[in-house]
């Protein structure tokens, strides 16, 4: 089963998780990079104050160059051939953004919570923006923002439908992105339970609330460094391996190497097929041994029947298990 899964781009860090995946009845997921492509494009740039757009973007790009987040990559594509300014004292504040210094200017680049943490007033007009937004503060003043667009993965909607059909009773979306974007994406996918604007500890608290119901077997699917605590706390942690952070991949129990959410369905199918073959092999082994024992008690079993009941049954069980490698998923 593990071999069949690896051929399909699924890395299970142990047979326990292949079995546990089939028991999952509650699936919690991140948004960006999990059900969306995480390939962002700049949609709009709004500059406030005395900076030109080019100056504003050069300062922002210098800070974002130190980040591996998909949004940072989109910002750097604004002018890929421009020599970047040198950024120093860079710090990443989980779930909020980046701070640093460029050209002796203090730069903040992140969400509203980051700017508010450093007492930078954010214009009310930004509250009506649905898209992902990177707000920028320069020397303690609001300097502008960049809006970023993302799109759903091709197999995201069909995956949600198949997950419900497979017996997943509850689907939840938890995202660090704006709540308005999270609700929009959840609505498109048909997910009724969704929360946005969450910090890593908020995601963890939401999963801990779900875990209070002992009947729930919870899987979490994510890809970012912010998802690592929740991946560790879930019964089954699933990480996106292609674009996912190293911390998320290290923490997860299952890694989807192709970043396709539909691979979760593949994993469930492989797990269930593996369980069926296990029970077939158990029934085969016990059945043959009982028959040989009865024959032996009647004096009808020879050494050859005894050998077949031991080694022969083991070979038949192996041959039956190999069928997993030939099945179509």
Protein backbone atom coordinates (compact mmCIF):
# COMPACT_ATOMS: atom_id res chain seq x y z
CA UNK A 1 0.00 0.00 0.00
CA UNK A 2 2.81 2.40 0.85
CA UNK A 3 4.52 1.54 -2.44
CA UNK A 4 1.35 2.14 -4.45
CA UNK A 5 0.87 5.49 -2.71
CA UNK A 6 4.43 6.63 -3.41
CA UNK A 7 3.95 5.87 -7.10
CA UNK A 8 0.98 8.21 -7.05
CA UNK A 9 2.91 11.05 -5.40
CA UNK A 10 1.95 10.33 -1.78
CA UNK A 11 4.62 9.87 0.87
CA UNK A 12 3.31 8.19 4.04
CA UNK A 13 5.70 8.35 7.00
CA UNK A 14 4.54 4.98 8.26
CA UNK A 15 1.81 2.38 7.70
CA UNK A 16 -0.13 3.70 10.71
CA UNK A 17 -1.04 6.87 8.81
CA UNK A 18 -2.25 4.89 5.78
CA UNK A 19 -4.67 3.13 8.10
CA UNK A 20 -5.58 6.30 10.04
CA UNK A 21 -6.41 8.24 6.86
CA UNK A 22 -9.29 5.86 6.12
CA UNK A 23 -10.83 6.67 9.53
CA UNK A 24 -10.77 10.46 9.12
CA UNK A 25 -14.24 12.04 9.42
CA UNK A 26 -13.22 15.70 9.81
CA UNK A 27 -10.92 17.48 7.36
CA UNK A 28 -9.50 20.91 8.17
CA UNK A 29 -7.64 22.76 5.42
CA UNK A 30 -5.59 25.85 4.81
CA UNK A 31 -6.45 28.02 1.79
CA UNK A 32 -3.40 29.51 0.10
CA UNK A 33 -1.28 26.85 -1.62
CA UNK A 34 -3.64 24.09 -0.50
CA UNK A 35 -6.87 24.63 -2.44
CA UNK A 36 -5.57 27.66 -4.34
CA UNK A 37 -2.56 27.60 -6.62
CA UNK A 38 -0.52 29.96 -4.49
CA UNK A 39 0.73 31.52 -7.73
CA UNK A 40 -0.10 35.15 -7.16
CA UNK A 41 -0.14 38.08 -9.58
CA UNK A 42 -0.11 41.77 -8.73
CA UNK A 43 -3.55 43.22 -9.42
CA UNK A 44 -3.23 46.79 -8.17
CA UNK A 45 -0.65 49.11 -6.57
CA UNK A 46 -1.77 52.09 -4.50
CA UNK A 47 0.92 54.49 -3.22
CA UNK A 48 0.34 57.12 -0.54
CA UNK A 49 2.65 59.98 0.36
CA UNK A 50 5.67 61.34 -1.48
CA UNK A 51 6.93 58.11 -3.04
CA UNK A 52 6.63 57.24 -6.70
CA UNK A 53 5.35 53.76 -7.58
CA UNK A 54 8.86 52.67 -8.64
CA UNK A 55 10.43 53.89 -5.36
CA UNK A 56 7.65 52.32 -3.30
CA UNK A 57 8.05 48.97 -5.05
CA UNK A 58 11.86 48.96 -4.78
CA UNK A 59 11.62 49.34 -1.00
CA UNK A 60 8.93 46.66 -0.75
CA UNK A 61 10.80 44.26 -3.05
CA UNK A 62 13.98 44.58 -0.98
CA UNK A 63 12.13 43.29 2.09
CA UNK A 64 10.08 40.64 0.29
CA UNK A 65 13.24 39.22 -1.31
CA UNK A 66 14.02 37.70 2.11
CA UNK A 67 10.73 35.75 2.17
CA UNK A 68 9.74 32.47 0.49
CA UNK A 69 6.00 33.17 0.67
CA UNK A 70 4.14 32.92 -2.67
CA UNK A 71 2.95 36.53 -2.30
CA UNK A 72 6.56 37.67 -1.95
CA UNK A 73 7.42 35.91 -5.21
CA UNK A 74 4.57 37.73 -6.96
CA UNK A 75 5.82 41.10 -5.72
CA UNK A 76 9.35 40.35 -6.91
CA UNK A 77 7.99 39.70 -10.42
CA UNK A 78 7.02 43.40 -10.62
CA UNK A 79 10.49 44.15 -11.95
CA UNK A 80 12.54 40.96 -12.18
CA UNK A 81 15.45 42.65 -13.98
CA UNK A 82 15.91 45.47 -11.43
CA UNK A 83 18.81 45.25 -9.01
CA UNK A 84 17.38 44.92 -5.52
CA UNK A 85 18.27 47.27 -2.70
CA UNK A 86 19.98 45.77 0.34
CA UNK A 87 17.60 44.97 3.22
CA UNK A 88 18.90 44.49 6.77
CA UNK A 89 17.49 43.51 10.18
CA UNK A 90 14.79 41.40 8.52
CA UNK A 91 12.37 39.67 10.88
CA UNK A 92 9.38 37.53 9.97
CA UNK A 93 6.45 37.86 12.35
CA UNK A 94 4.35 34.72 12.02
CA UNK A 95 0.93 35.33 10.53
CA UNK A 96 1.57 39.06 10.07
CA UNK A 97 4.47 39.79 7.71
CA UNK A 98 8.00 41.18 7.57
CA UNK A 99 9.89 44.08 9.13
CA UNK A 100 13.32 45.38 8.15
CA UNK A 101 15.41 48.35 7.10
CA UNK A 102 16.12 49.51 3.54
CA UNK A 103 18.09 52.70 2.71
CA UNK A 104 17.97 53.57 6.42
CA UNK A 105 14.16 53.46 6.33
CA UNK A 106 12.10 51.22 8.65
CA UNK A 107 9.86 49.07 6.45
CA UNK A 108 6.77 47.11 7.47
CA UNK A 109 5.25 44.76 4.86
CA UNK A 110 2.31 42.56 5.78
CA UNK A 111 -1.31 42.60 6.89
CA UNK A 112 -3.31 45.06 8.95
CA UNK A 113 -2.36 43.34 12.21
CA UNK A 114 1.34 43.96 11.53
CA UNK A 115 0.87 47.68 10.96
CA UNK A 116 -1.39 48.03 13.99
CA UNK A 117 1.23 46.24 16.12
CA UNK A 118 3.65 49.05 15.27
CA UNK A 119 1.01 51.78 15.71
CA UNK A 120 0.66 52.62 12.01
CA UNK A 121 -2.80 53.93 11.15
CA UNK A 122 -4.47 51.97 8.34
CA UNK A 123 -6.99 53.79 6.06
CA UNK A 124 -10.57 52.50 6.34
CA UNK A 125 -10.76 52.18 2.54
CA UNK A 126 -8.63 49.02 2.71
CA UNK A 127 -11.36 47.17 4.64
CA UNK A 128 -13.49 46.87 1.49
CA UNK A 129 -10.77 45.16 -0.56
CA UNK A 130 -11.60 41.45 -1.01
CA UNK A 131 -8.29 40.35 -2.59
CA UNK A 132 -5.12 39.51 -0.69
CA UNK A 133 -3.42 42.74 0.29
CA UNK A 134 0.13 43.61 1.37
CA UNK A 135 0.15 46.83 3.36
CA UNK A 136 3.35 48.84 3.64
CA UNK A 137 4.51 51.18 6.38
CA UNK A 138 7.60 53.33 5.96
CA UNK A 139 9.15 55.10 8.97
CA UNK A 140 5.95 54.75 10.97
CA UNK A 141 3.62 56.05 8.26
CA UNK A 142 1.19 54.20 6.00
CA UNK A 143 2.84 54.24 2.55
CA UNK A 144 0.42 52.23 0.41
CA UNK A 145 -0.60 48.70 -0.48
CA UNK A 146 -0.43 46.05 -3.17
CA UNK A 147 -3.39 43.79 -3.95
CA UNK A 148 -2.67 40.24 -5.07
CA UNK A 149 -4.92 37.79 -6.91
CA UNK A 150 -4.88 33.99 -6.59
CA UNK A 151 -7.01 31.24 -8.17
CA UNK A 152 -8.36 27.82 -7.24
CA UNK A 153 -6.52 24.66 -8.22
CA UNK A 154 -8.20 22.77 -11.06
CA UNK A 155 -9.09 19.78 -8.90
CA UNK A 156 -10.10 21.68 -5.75
CA UNK A 157 -13.89 21.69 -6.24
CA UNK A 158 -14.10 18.05 -7.39
CA UNK A 159 -11.93 17.05 -4.41
CA UNK A 160 -14.36 18.61 -1.94
CA UNK A 161 -17.28 16.76 -3.59
CA UNK A 162 -15.41 13.43 -3.52
CA UNK A 163 -14.34 13.94 0.11
CA UNK A 164 -17.99 14.26 1.12
CA UNK A 165 -18.87 11.18 -0.95
CA UNK A 166 -16.07 9.21 0.75
CA UNK A 167 -17.58 9.77 4.21
CA UNK A 168 -15.85 12.93 5.46
CA UNK A 169 -18.63 14.40 7.59
CA UNK A 170 -17.16 17.82 8.31
CA UNK A 171 -15.04 20.13 6.14
CA UNK A 172 -13.47 23.25 7.66
CA UNK A 173 -11.30 25.97 6.12
CA UNK A 174 -8.90 27.93 8.36
CA UNK A 175 -6.72 30.61 6.80
CA UNK A 176 -4.38 33.39 7.80
CA UNK A 177 -5.65 35.35 4.81
CA UNK A 178 -8.41 37.96 5.09
CA UNK A 179 -11.75 36.59 6.24
CA UNK A 180 -13.51 38.09 3.19
CA UNK A 181 -11.24 36.14 0.81
CA UNK A 182 -11.52 32.96 2.89
CA UNK A 183 -15.32 33.14 2.88
CA UNK A 184 -15.36 33.78 -0.88
CA UNK A 185 -13.15 30.74 -1.63
CA UNK A 186 -15.08 28.54 0.83
CA UNK A 187 -18.35 29.55 -0.85
CA UNK A 188 -16.97 28.65 -4.29
CA UNK A 189 -15.96 25.21 -2.99
CA UNK A 190 -19.18 24.60 -1.07
CA UNK A 191 -17.54 24.66 2.38
CA UNK A 192 -19.91 26.07 5.00
CA UNK A 193 -17.47 26.33 7.91
CA UNK A 194 -14.62 28.80 7.26
CA UNK A 195 -12.60 31.35 9.23
CA UNK A 196 -9.99 33.81 7.99
CA UNK A 197 -7.54 36.26 9.52
CA UNK A 198 -6.14 33.59 11.84
CA UNK A 199 -2.69 33.48 13.40
CA UNK A 200 -0.94 30.08 13.82
CA UNK A 201 -2.11 29.88 17.44
CA UNK A 202 -5.68 30.69 16.36
CA UNK A 203 -5.66 27.78 13.90
CA UNK A 204 -4.34 25.53 16.64
CA UNK A 205 -7.09 26.68 19.03
CA UNK A 206 -9.77 25.96 16.42
CA UNK A 207 -8.45 22.42 15.90
CA UNK A 208 -8.20 21.87 19.67
CA UNK A 209 -11.90 22.80 19.94
CA UNK A 210 -12.75 20.18 17.32
CA UNK A 211 -10.63 17.58 19.13
CA UNK A 212 -12.77 17.91 22.26
CA UNK A 213 -15.28 15.72 20.45
CA UNK A 214 -13.54 12.34 20.82
CA UNK A 215 -15.58 10.84 17.98
CA UNK A 216 -13.78 13.08 15.47
CA UNK A 217 -10.67 11.84 13.67
CA UNK A 218 -9.13 15.05 12.33
CA UNK A 219 -6.85 15.53 9.35
CA UNK A 220 -5.30 18.90 8.56
CA UNK A 221 -3.99 19.88 5.12
CA UNK A 222 -1.58 22.79 4.83
CA UNK A 223 1.63 23.98 3.25
CA UNK A 224 3.12 26.90 5.17
CA UNK A 225 5.41 27.39 8.17
CA UNK A 226 2.35 28.78 9.98
CA UNK A 227 0.60 25.41 9.59
CA UNK A 228 3.27 23.37 11.40
CA UNK A 229 1.67 23.54 14.90
CA UNK A 230 -1.72 22.38 13.54
CA UNK A 231 -0.14 19.63 11.44
CA UNK A 232 1.51 18.30 14.59
CA UNK A 233 -1.68 18.52 16.68
CA UNK A 234 -3.97 16.78 14.16
CA UNK A 235 -4.56 13.04 14.10
CA UNK A 236 -3.25 13.06 10.52
CA UNK A 237 -1.15 15.95 9.21
CA UNK A 238 -0.98 16.33 5.42
CA UNK A 239 1.48 18.76 3.77
CA UNK A 240 1.87 19.97 0.21
CA UNK A 241 5.38 18.89 -0.78
CA UNK A 242 6.17 20.87 -3.94
CA UNK A 243 5.54 24.43 -2.73
CA UNK A 244 5.25 23.67 0.98
CA UNK A 245 7.72 24.93 3.57
CA UNK A 246 10.39 22.59 4.94
CA UNK A 247 8.93 22.86 8.44
CA UNK A 248 5.46 21.80 7.26
CA UNK A 249 6.87 18.86 5.29
CA UNK A 250 8.99 17.77 8.25
CA UNK A 251 6.05 17.98 10.67
CA UNK A 252 3.42 16.27 8.48
CA UNK A 253 2.56 12.57 8.57
CA UNK A 254 1.71 12.50 4.85
CA UNK A 255 3.30 14.56 2.07
CA UNK A 256 1.53 15.21 -1.24
CA UNK A 257 4.45 15.54 -3.61
CA UNK A 258 2.40 16.97 -6.50
CA UNK A 259 0.46 19.57 -4.43
CA UNK A 260 -2.85 18.22 -5.81
CA UNK A 261 -5.58 18.08 -3.15
CA UNK A 262 -7.26 15.24 -5.11
CA UNK A 263 -4.38 13.01 -3.95
CA UNK A 264 -6.12 12.90 -0.55
CA UNK A 265 -8.90 10.91 -2.24
CA UNK A 266 -6.28 8.65 -3.83
CA UNK A 267 -4.72 8.06 -0.41
CA UNK A 268 -8.09 7.15 1.12
CA UNK A 269 -8.82 4.71 -1.73
CA UNK A 270 -5.39 3.07 -1.39
CA UNK A 271 -5.83 2.83 2.39
CA UNK A 272 -9.24 1.18 2.08
CA UNK A 273 -8.00 -1.25 -0.61
CA UNK A 274 -5.05 -2.13 1.64
CA UNK A 275 -7.39 -2.86 4.53
CA UNK A 276 -9.54 -5.12 2.32
CA UNK A 277 -6.49 -7.13 1.23
CA UNK A 278 -5.29 -7.41 4.84
CA UNK A 279 -8.64 -8.95 5.85
CA UNK A 280 -8.58 -11.22 2.79
CA UNK A 281 -5.13 -12.47 3.80
CA UNK A 282 -6.18 -13.00 7.42
CA UNK A 283 -9.25 -14.97 6.30
CA UNK A 284 -7.12 -16.99 3.85
CA UNK A 285 -4.48 -17.81 6.45
CA UNK A 286 -6.91 -18.84 9.17
CA UNK A 287 -9.17 -20.68 6.75
CA UNK A 288 -6.39 -22.85 5.28
CA UNK A 289 -4.82 -23.54 8.68
CA UNK A 290 -8.16 -24.60 10.20
CA UNK A 291 -8.83 -26.95 7.27
CA UNK A 292 -5.35 -28.52 7.62
CA UNK A 293 -5.78 -28.85 11.40
CA UNK A 294 -9.08 -30.69 10.88
CA UNK A 295 -7.48 -32.94 8.26
CA UNK A 296 -4.55 -33.54 10.59
CA UNK A 297 -6.88 -34.49 13.44
CA UNK A 298 -8.46 -37.07 11.12
CA UNK A 299 -5.05 -38.37 10.05
CA UNK A 300 -5.54 -37.13 6.47
CA UNK A 301 -2.93 -34.33 6.41
CA UNK A 302 0.67 -35.06 5.46
CA UNK A 303 3.79 -32.96 5.82
CA UNK A 304 3.07 -31.34 2.42
CA UNK A 305 -0.30 -29.98 3.59
CA UNK A 306 1.42 -28.63 6.70
CA UNK A 307 4.09 -26.88 4.59
CA UNK A 308 1.41 -25.38 2.35
CA UNK A 309 -0.55 -24.14 5.38
CA UNK A 310 2.58 -22.29 6.53
CA UNK A 311 4.86 -21.19 3.65
CA UNK A 312 2.28 -21.62 0.87
CA UNK A 313 -0.27 -19.38 2.57
CA UNK A 314 2.42 -16.75 3.21
CA UNK A 315 3.29 -16.75 -0.52
CA UNK A 316 -0.38 -16.48 -1.49
CA UNK A 317 -0.81 -13.53 0.92
CA UNK A 318 2.19 -11.77 -0.66
CA UNK A 319 0.86 -12.36 -4.18
CA UNK A 320 -2.53 -11.02 -3.12
CA UNK A 321 -0.92 -7.90 -1.64
CA UNK A 322 1.08 -7.25 -4.82
CA UNK A 323 -2.26 -6.60 -6.55
CA UNK A 324 -2.20 -3.16 -4.91
CA UNK A 325 0.67 -2.19 -7.19
CA UNK A 326 -1.39 -3.08 -10.28
CA UNK A 327 -4.64 -1.39 -9.31
CA UNK A 328 -5.80 1.80 -11.04
CA UNK A 329 -6.30 4.79 -8.77
